Amino acid sequence: MQPSEMVMNPKQVFLSVLIFGVAGLLLFMYLQVWIEEQHTGRVEKRGEQKVTPGWGPVKYLQPVPRIKPQVSHA
């Protein structure tokens, strides 16, 4: 078969990109967990980490107090 005869149709291209994308995503997730485990020692030791004073966990979804505008009835 000559190189000019090897043409992938759009369905094959889509499936190839999809499969490689899923495989890459799974590999990335696995490596991320593996690196975090190496960095912290082990998963069981996460609770024993040294806590620096003033650097506690950040709670991003806390309710923010709002100032209600004063409505004047004139």
PDB file of N, CA and C in Angstrom:
ATOM      1  N   MET A   1       0.840  -1.180   0.000  1.00  0.00           N
ATOM      2  CA  MET A   1       0.000   0.000   0.000  1.00  0.00           C
ATOM      3  C   MET A   1       0.891   1.251   0.000  1.00  0.00           C
ATOM      4  N   GLN A   2       0.559   2.188  -0.822  1.00  0.00           N
ATOM      5  CA  GLN A   2       1.337   3.416  -0.923  1.00  0.00           C
ATOM      6  C   GLN A   2       0.822   4.437   0.090  1.00  0.00           C
ATOM      7  N   PRO A   3       1.677   5.347   0.536  1.00  0.00           N
ATOM      8  CA  PRO A   3       1.233   6.343   1.539  1.00  0.00           C
ATOM      9  C   PRO A   3       0.041   7.165   1.094  1.00  0.00           C
ATOM     10  N   SER A   4      -0.102   7.403  -0.200  1.00  0.00           N
ATOM     11  CA  SER A   4      -1.230   8.213  -0.663  1.00  0.00           C
ATOM     12  C   SER A   4      -2.552   7.476  -0.520  1.00  0.00           C
ATOM     13  N   GLU A   5      -2.515   6.137  -0.398  1.00  0.00           N
ATOM     14  CA  GLU A   5      -3.740   5.360  -0.257  1.00  0.00           C
ATOM     15  C   GLU A   5      -4.212   5.275   1.194  1.00  0.00           C
ATOM     16  N   MET A   6      -3.331   5.605   2.150  1.00  0.00           N
ATOM     17  CA  MET A   6      -3.696   5.511   3.559  1.00  0.00           C
ATOM     18  C   MET A   6      -4.335   6.819   4.011  1.00  0.00           C
ATOM     19  N   VAL A   7      -5.632   6.900   3.926  1.00  0.00           N
ATOM     20  CA  VAL A   7      -6.366   8.095   4.332  1.00  0.00           C
ATOM     21  C   VAL A   7      -7.350   7.680   5.417  1.00  0.00           C
ATOM     22  N   MET A   8      -7.292   8.372   6.560  1.00  0.00           N
ATOM     23  CA  MET A   8      -8.224   8.078   7.651  1.00  0.00           C
ATOM     24  C   MET A   8      -9.486   8.897   7.449  1.00  0.00           C
ATOM     25  N   ASN A   9     -10.603   8.254   7.629  1.00  0.00           N
ATOM     26  CA  ASN A   9     -11.848   9.009   7.534  1.00  0.00           C
ATOM     27  C   ASN A   9     -12.085   9.753   8.850  1.00  0.00           C
ATOM     28  N   PRO A  10     -12.978  10.716   8.863  1.00  0.00           N
ATOM     29  CA  PRO A  10     -13.204  11.531  10.072  1.00  0.00           C
ATOM     30  C   PRO A  10     -13.591  10.720  11.302  1.00  0.00           C
ATOM     31  N   LYS A  11     -14.321   9.617  11.116  1.00  0.00           N
ATOM     32  CA  LYS A  11     -14.717   8.797  12.262  1.00  0.00           C
ATOM     33  C   LYS A  11     -13.486   8.174  12.923  1.00  0.00           C
ATOM     34  N   GLN A  12     -12.550   7.680  12.125  1.00  0.00           N
ATOM     35  CA  GLN A  12     -11.327   7.099  12.678  1.00  0.00           C
ATOM     36  C   GLN A  12     -10.487   8.161  13.395  1.00  0.00           C
ATOM     37  N   VAL A  13     -10.412   9.358  12.819  1.00  0.00           N
ATOM     38  CA  VAL A  13      -9.661  10.447  13.450  1.00  0.00           C
ATOM     39  C   VAL A  13     -10.281  10.800  14.790  1.00  0.00           C
ATOM     40  N   PHE A  14     -11.605  10.931  14.829  1.00  0.00           N
ATOM     41  CA  PHE A  14     -12.303  11.274  16.068  1.00  0.00           C
ATOM     42  C   PHE A  14     -12.069  10.218  17.139  1.00  0.00           C
ATOM     43  N   LEU A  15     -12.216   8.945  16.766  1.00  0.00           N
ATOM     44  CA  LEU A  15     -12.022   7.876  17.742  1.00  0.00           C
ATOM     45  C   LEU A  15     -10.575   7.817  18.234  1.00  0.00           C
ATOM     46  N   SER A  16      -9.628   8.045  17.344  1.00  0.00           N
ATOM     47  CA  SER A  16      -8.221   8.032  17.762  1.00  0.00           C
ATOM     48  C   SER A  16      -7.933   9.162  18.743  1.00  0.00           C
ATOM     49  N   VAL A  17      -8.411  10.362  18.428  1.00  0.00           N
ATOM     50  CA  VAL A  17      -8.190  11.506  19.327  1.00  0.00           C
ATOM     51  C   VAL A  17      -8.886  11.264  20.659  1.00  0.00           C
ATOM     52  N   LEU A  18     -10.095  10.717  20.625  1.00  0.00           N
ATOM     53  CA  LEU A  18     -10.836  10.441  21.850  1.00  0.00           C
ATOM     54  C   LEU A  18     -10.115   9.410  22.713  1.00  0.00           C
ATOM     55  N   ILE A  19      -9.651   8.331  22.109  1.00  0.00           N
ATOM     56  CA  ILE A  19      -8.974   7.279  22.870  1.00  0.00           C
ATOM     57  C   ILE A  19      -7.674   7.803  23.467  1.00  0.00           C
ATOM     58  N   PHE A  20      -6.871   8.524  22.674  1.00  0.00           N
ATOM     59  CA  PHE A  20      -5.621   9.073  23.204  1.00  0.00           C
ATOM     60  C   PHE A  20      -5.880  10.122  24.280  1.00  0.00           C
ATOM     61  N   GLY A  21      -6.956  10.895  24.127  1.00  0.00           N
ATOM     62  CA  GLY A  21      -7.296  11.889  25.142  1.00  0.00           C
ATOM     63  C   GLY A  21      -7.686  11.247  26.465  1.00  0.00           C
ATOM     64  N   VAL A  22      -8.506  10.214  26.401  1.00  0.00           N
ATOM     65  CA  VAL A  22      -8.926   9.510  27.621  1.00  0.00           C
ATOM     66  C   VAL A  22      -7.726   8.835  28.267  1.00  0.00           C
ATOM     67  N   ALA A  23      -6.884   8.194  27.451  1.00  0.00           N
ATOM     68  CA  ALA A  23      -5.694   7.536  28.002  1.00  0.00           C
ATOM     69  C   ALA A  23      -4.763   8.565  28.653  1.00  0.00           C
ATOM     70  N   GLY A  24      -4.585   9.717  28.028  1.00  0.00           N
ATOM     71  CA  GLY A  24      -3.742  10.765  28.606  1.00  0.00           C
ATOM     72  C   GLY A  24      -4.316  11.304  29.905  1.00  0.00           C
ATOM     73  N   LEU A  25      -5.635  11.481  29.950  1.00  0.00           N
ATOM     74  CA  LEU A  25      -6.281  11.965  31.166  1.00  0.00           C
ATOM     75  C   LEU A  25      -6.119  10.975  32.311  1.00  0.00           C
ATOM     76  N   LEU A  26      -6.316   9.685  32.023  1.00  0.00           N
ATOM     77  CA  LEU A  26      -6.141   8.669  33.061  1.00  0.00           C
ATOM     78  C   LEU A  26      -4.693   8.616  33.545  1.00  0.00           C
ATOM     79  N   LEU A  27      -3.742   8.720  32.622  1.00  0.00           N
ATOM     80  CA  LEU A  27      -2.336   8.728  33.006  1.00  0.00           C
ATOM     81  C   LEU A  27      -2.014   9.947  33.865  1.00  0.00           C
ATOM     82  N   PHE A  28      -2.533  11.111  33.490  1.00  0.00           N
ATOM     83  CA  PHE A  28      -2.299  12.329  34.261  1.00  0.00           C
ATOM     84  C   PHE A  28      -2.868  12.202  35.671  1.00  0.00           C
ATOM     85  N   MET A  29      -4.082  11.658  35.802  1.00  0.00           N
ATOM     86  CA  MET A  29      -4.688  11.505  37.121  1.00  0.00           C
ATOM     87  C   MET A  29      -3.893  10.527  37.979  1.00  0.00           C
ATOM     88  N   TYR A  30      -3.446   9.425  37.380  1.00  0.00           N
ATOM     89  CA  TYR A  30      -2.651   8.446  38.119  1.00  0.00           C
ATOM     90  C   TYR A  30      -1.337   9.066  38.595  1.00  0.00           C
ATOM     91  N   LEU A  31      -0.667   9.795  37.706  1.00  0.00           N
ATOM     92  CA  LEU A  31       0.612  10.400  38.089  1.00  0.00           C
ATOM     93  C   LEU A  31       0.422  11.481  39.157  1.00  0.00           C
ATOM     94  N   GLN A  32      -0.667  12.221  39.092  1.00  0.00           N
ATOM     95  CA  GLN A  32      -0.920  13.246  40.093  1.00  0.00           C
ATOM     96  C   GLN A  32      -1.085  12.624  41.476  1.00  0.00           C
ATOM     97  N   VAL A  33      -1.859  11.545  41.570  1.00  0.00           N
ATOM     98  CA  VAL A  33      -2.042  10.863  42.855  1.00  0.00           C
ATOM     99  C   VAL A  33      -0.722  10.277  43.328  1.00  0.00           C
ATOM    100  N   TRP A  34       0.035   9.692  42.409  1.00  0.00           N
ATOM    101  CA  TRP A  34       1.311   9.081  42.778  1.00  0.00           C
ATOM    102  C   TRP A  34       2.298  10.130  43.291  1.00  0.00           C
ATOM    103  N   ILE A  35       2.360  11.283  42.627  1.00  0.00           N
ATOM    104  CA  ILE A  35       3.267  12.348  43.060  1.00  0.00           C
ATOM    105  C   ILE A  35       2.836  12.894  44.415  1.00  0.00           C
ATOM    106  N   GLU A  36       1.528  13.067  44.636  1.00  0.00           N
ATOM    107  CA  GLU A  36       1.065  13.553  45.935  1.00  0.00           C
ATOM    108  C   GLU A  36       1.409  12.566  47.044  1.00  0.00           C
ATOM    109  N   GLU A  37       1.279  11.262  46.775  1.00  0.00           N
ATOM    110  CA  GLU A  37       1.635  10.268  47.787  1.00  0.00           C
ATOM    111  C   GLU A  37       3.130  10.308  48.082  1.00  0.00           C
ATOM    112  N   GLN A  38       3.954  10.516  47.065  1.00  0.00           N
ATOM    113  CA  GLN A  38       5.403  10.583  47.284  1.00  0.00           C
ATOM    114  C   GLN A  38       5.764  11.841  48.076  1.00  0.00           C
ATOM    115  N   HIS A  39       5.059  12.917  47.788  1.00  0.00           N
ATOM    116  CA  HIS A  39       5.371  14.190  48.448  1.00  0.00           C
ATOM    117  C   HIS A  39       4.974  14.179  49.923  1.00  0.00           C
ATOM    118  N   THR A  40       3.847  13.559  50.250  1.00  0.00           N
ATOM    119  CA  THR A  40       3.350  13.585  51.630  1.00  0.00           C
ATOM    120  C   THR A  40       3.781  12.361  52.427  1.00  0.00           C
ATOM    121  N   GLY A  41       4.533  11.472  51.857  1.00  0.00           N
ATOM    122  CA  GLY A  41       4.925  10.252  52.551  1.00  0.00           C
ATOM    123  C   GLY A  41       4.023   9.126  52.151  1.00  0.00           C
ATOM    124  N   ARG A  42       2.888   9.037  52.793  1.00  0.00           N
ATOM    125  CA  ARG A  42       1.861   8.054  52.444  1.00  0.00           C
ATOM    126  C   ARG A  42       0.497   8.686  52.650  1.00  0.00           C
ATOM    127  N   VAL A  43      -0.518   8.032  52.157  1.00  0.00           N
ATOM    128  CA  VAL A  43      -1.872   8.572  52.293  1.00  0.00           C
ATOM    129  C   VAL A  43      -2.282   8.594  53.757  1.00  0.00           C
ATOM    130  N   GLU A  44      -1.876   7.572  54.545  1.00  0.00           N
ATOM    131  CA  GLU A  44      -2.269   7.498  55.949  1.00  0.00           C
ATOM    132  C   GLU A  44      -1.612   8.595  56.782  1.00  0.00           C
ATOM    133  N   LYS A  45      -0.488   9.148  56.331  1.00  0.00           N
ATOM    134  CA  LYS A  45       0.229  10.144  57.113  1.00  0.00           C
ATOM    135  C   LYS A  45      -0.231  11.572  56.831  1.00  0.00           C
ATOM    136  N   ARG A  46      -1.245  11.760  56.014  1.00  0.00           N
ATOM    137  CA  ARG A  46      -1.674  13.119  55.686  1.00  0.00           C
ATOM    138  C   ARG A  46      -2.182  13.868  56.913  1.00  0.00           C
ATOM    139  N   GLY A  47      -2.812  13.168  57.849  1.00  0.00           N
ATOM    140  CA  GLY A  47      -3.323  13.808  59.056  1.00  0.00           C
ATOM    141  C   GLY A  47      -2.228  14.195  60.019  1.00  0.00           C
ATOM    142  N   GLU A  48      -1.037  13.652  59.862  1.00  0.00           N
ATOM    143  CA  GLU A  48       0.061  13.924  60.781  1.00  0.00           C
ATOM    144  C   GLU A  48       0.989  15.029  60.280  1.00  0.00           C
ATOM    145  N   GLN A  49       0.577  15.761  59.268  1.00  0.00           N
ATOM    146  CA  GLN A  49       1.438  16.804  58.714  1.00  0.00           C
ATOM    147  C   GLN A  49       1.623  17.922  59.724  1.00  0.00           C
ATOM    148  N   LYS A  50       2.784  18.551  59.664  1.00  0.00           N
ATOM    149  CA  LYS A  50       3.102  19.662  60.563  1.00  0.00           C
ATOM    150  C   LYS A  50       2.261  20.874  60.164  1.00  0.00           C
ATOM    151  N   VAL A  51       1.623  21.474  61.141  1.00  0.00           N
ATOM    152  CA  VAL A  51       0.777  22.631  60.878  1.00  0.00           C
ATOM    153  C   VAL A  51       1.524  23.880  61.304  1.00  0.00           C
ATOM    154  N   THR A  52       1.698  24.793  60.375  1.00  0.00           N
ATOM    155  CA  THR A  52       2.361  26.057  60.667  1.00  0.00           C
ATOM    156  C   THR A  52       1.319  27.027  61.209  1.00  0.00           C
ATOM    157  N   PRO A  53       1.591  27.689  62.343  1.00  0.00           N
ATOM    158  CA  PRO A  53       0.607  28.626  62.900  1.00  0.00           C
ATOM    159  C   PRO A  53       0.251  29.724  61.901  1.00  0.00           C
ATOM    160  N   GLY A  54      -1.017  30.001  61.777  1.00  0.00           N
ATOM    161  CA  GLY A  54      -1.466  31.045  60.866  1.00  0.00           C
ATOM    162  C   GLY A  54      -1.700  30.557  59.452  1.00  0.00           C
ATOM    163  N   TRP A  55      -1.382  29.319  59.154  1.00  0.00           N
ATOM    164  CA  TRP A  55      -1.544  28.796  57.802  1.00  0.00           C
ATOM    165  C   TRP A  55      -2.491  27.608  57.822  1.00  0.00           C
ATOM    166  N   GLY A  56      -3.696  27.795  58.279  1.00  0.00           N
ATOM    167  CA  GLY A  56      -4.675  26.725  58.347  1.00  0.00           C
ATOM    168  C   GLY A  56      -5.362  26.532  57.011  1.00  0.00           C
ATOM    169  N   PRO A  57      -6.297  25.602  56.952  1.00  0.00           N
ATOM    170  CA  PRO A  57      -7.029  25.380  55.698  1.00  0.00           C
ATOM    171  C   PRO A  57      -7.894  26.589  55.355  1.00  0.00           C
ATOM    172  N   VAL A  58      -7.988  26.863  54.089  1.00  0.00           N
ATOM    173  CA  VAL A  58      -8.753  28.012  53.620  1.00  0.00           C
ATOM    174  C   VAL A  58     -10.138  27.523  53.230  1.00  0.00           C
ATOM    175  N   LYS A  59     -11.154  28.177  53.766  1.00  0.00           N
ATOM    176  CA  LYS A  59     -12.530  27.832  53.420  1.00  0.00           C
ATOM    177  C   LYS A  59     -13.021  28.864  52.414  1.00  0.00           C
ATOM    178  N   TYR A  60     -13.069  28.455  51.159  1.00  0.00           N
ATOM    179  CA  TYR A  60     -13.405  29.386  50.090  1.00  0.00           C
ATOM    180  C   TYR A  60     -14.896  29.674  49.998  1.00  0.00           C
ATOM    181  N   LEU A  61     -15.726  28.762  50.462  1.00  0.00           N
ATOM    182  CA  LEU A  61     -17.159  28.917  50.270  1.00  0.00           C
ATOM    183  C   LEU A  61     -17.865  29.397  51.534  1.00  0.00           C
ATOM    184  N   GLN A  62     -17.220  30.288  52.284  1.00  0.00           N
ATOM    185  CA  GLN A  62     -17.865  30.851  53.464  1.00  0.00           C
ATOM    186  C   GLN A  62     -18.823  31.950  53.033  1.00  0.00           C
ATOM    187  N   PRO A  63     -19.943  32.086  53.746  1.00  0.00           N
ATOM    188  CA  PRO A  63     -20.837  33.192  53.408  1.00  0.00           C
ATOM    189  C   PRO A  63     -20.185  34.530  53.753  1.00  0.00           C
ATOM    190  N   VAL A  64     -20.353  35.482  52.875  1.00  0.00           N
ATOM    191  CA  VAL A  64     -19.753  36.801  53.062  1.00  0.00           C
ATOM    192  C   VAL A  64     -20.822  37.737  53.605  1.00  0.00           C
ATOM    193  N   PRO A  65     -20.538  38.436  54.718  1.00  0.00           N
ATOM    194  CA  PRO A  65     -21.543  39.383  55.232  1.00  0.00           C
ATOM    195  C   PRO A  65     -21.745  40.530  54.249  1.00  0.00           C
ATOM    196  N   ARG A  66     -22.977  40.833  53.993  1.00  0.00           N
ATOM    197  CA  ARG A  66     -23.313  41.895  53.035  1.00  0.00           C
ATOM    198  C   ARG A  66     -23.851  43.108  53.775  1.00  0.00           C
ATOM    199  N   ILE A  67     -23.562  44.277  53.255  1.00  0.00           N
ATOM    200  CA  ILE A  67     -24.109  45.512  53.815  1.00  0.00           C
ATOM    201  C   ILE A  67     -25.359  45.843  53.017  1.00  0.00           C
ATOM    202  N   LYS A  68     -26.487  45.882  53.731  1.00  0.00           N
ATOM    203  CA  LYS A  68     -27.741  46.189  53.043  1.00  0.00           C
ATOM    204  C   LYS A  68     -27.869  47.692  52.889  1.00  0.00           C
ATOM    205  N   PRO A  69     -28.191  48.146  51.703  1.00  0.00           N
ATOM    206  CA  PRO A  69     -28.319  49.595  51.492  1.00  0.00           C
ATOM    207  C   PRO A  69     -29.528  50.165  52.239  1.00  0.00           C
ATOM    208  N   GLN A  70     -29.332  51.343  52.799  1.00  0.00           N
ATOM    209  CA  GLN A  70     -30.424  52.021  53.514  1.00  0.00           C
ATOM    210  C   GLN A  70     -31.348  52.668  52.479  1.00  0.00           C
ATOM    211  N   VAL A  71     -32.606  52.336  52.560  1.00  0.00           N
ATOM    212  CA  VAL A  71     -33.588  52.906  51.634  1.00  0.00           C
ATOM    213  C   VAL A  71     -34.296  54.051  52.351  1.00  0.00           C
ATOM    214  N   SER A  72     -34.164  55.216  51.788  1.00  0.00           N
ATOM    215  CA  SER A  72     -34.845  56.373  52.401  1.00  0.00           C
ATOM    216  C   SER A  72     -36.215  56.537  51.758  1.00  0.00           C
ATOM    217  N   HIS A  73     -37.214  56.720  52.608  1.00  0.00           N
ATOM    218  CA  HIS A  73     -38.575  56.909  52.118  1.00  0.00           C
ATOM    219  C   HIS A  73     -38.863  58.406  52.163  1.00  0.00           C
ATOM    220  N   ALA A  74     -38.601  59.077  51.085  1.00  0.00           N
ATOM    221  CA  ALA A  74     -38.799  60.508  51.072  1.00  0.00           C
ATOM    222  C   ALA A  74     -40.033  60.898  50.304  1.00  0.00           C
TER     223      ALA A  74
END
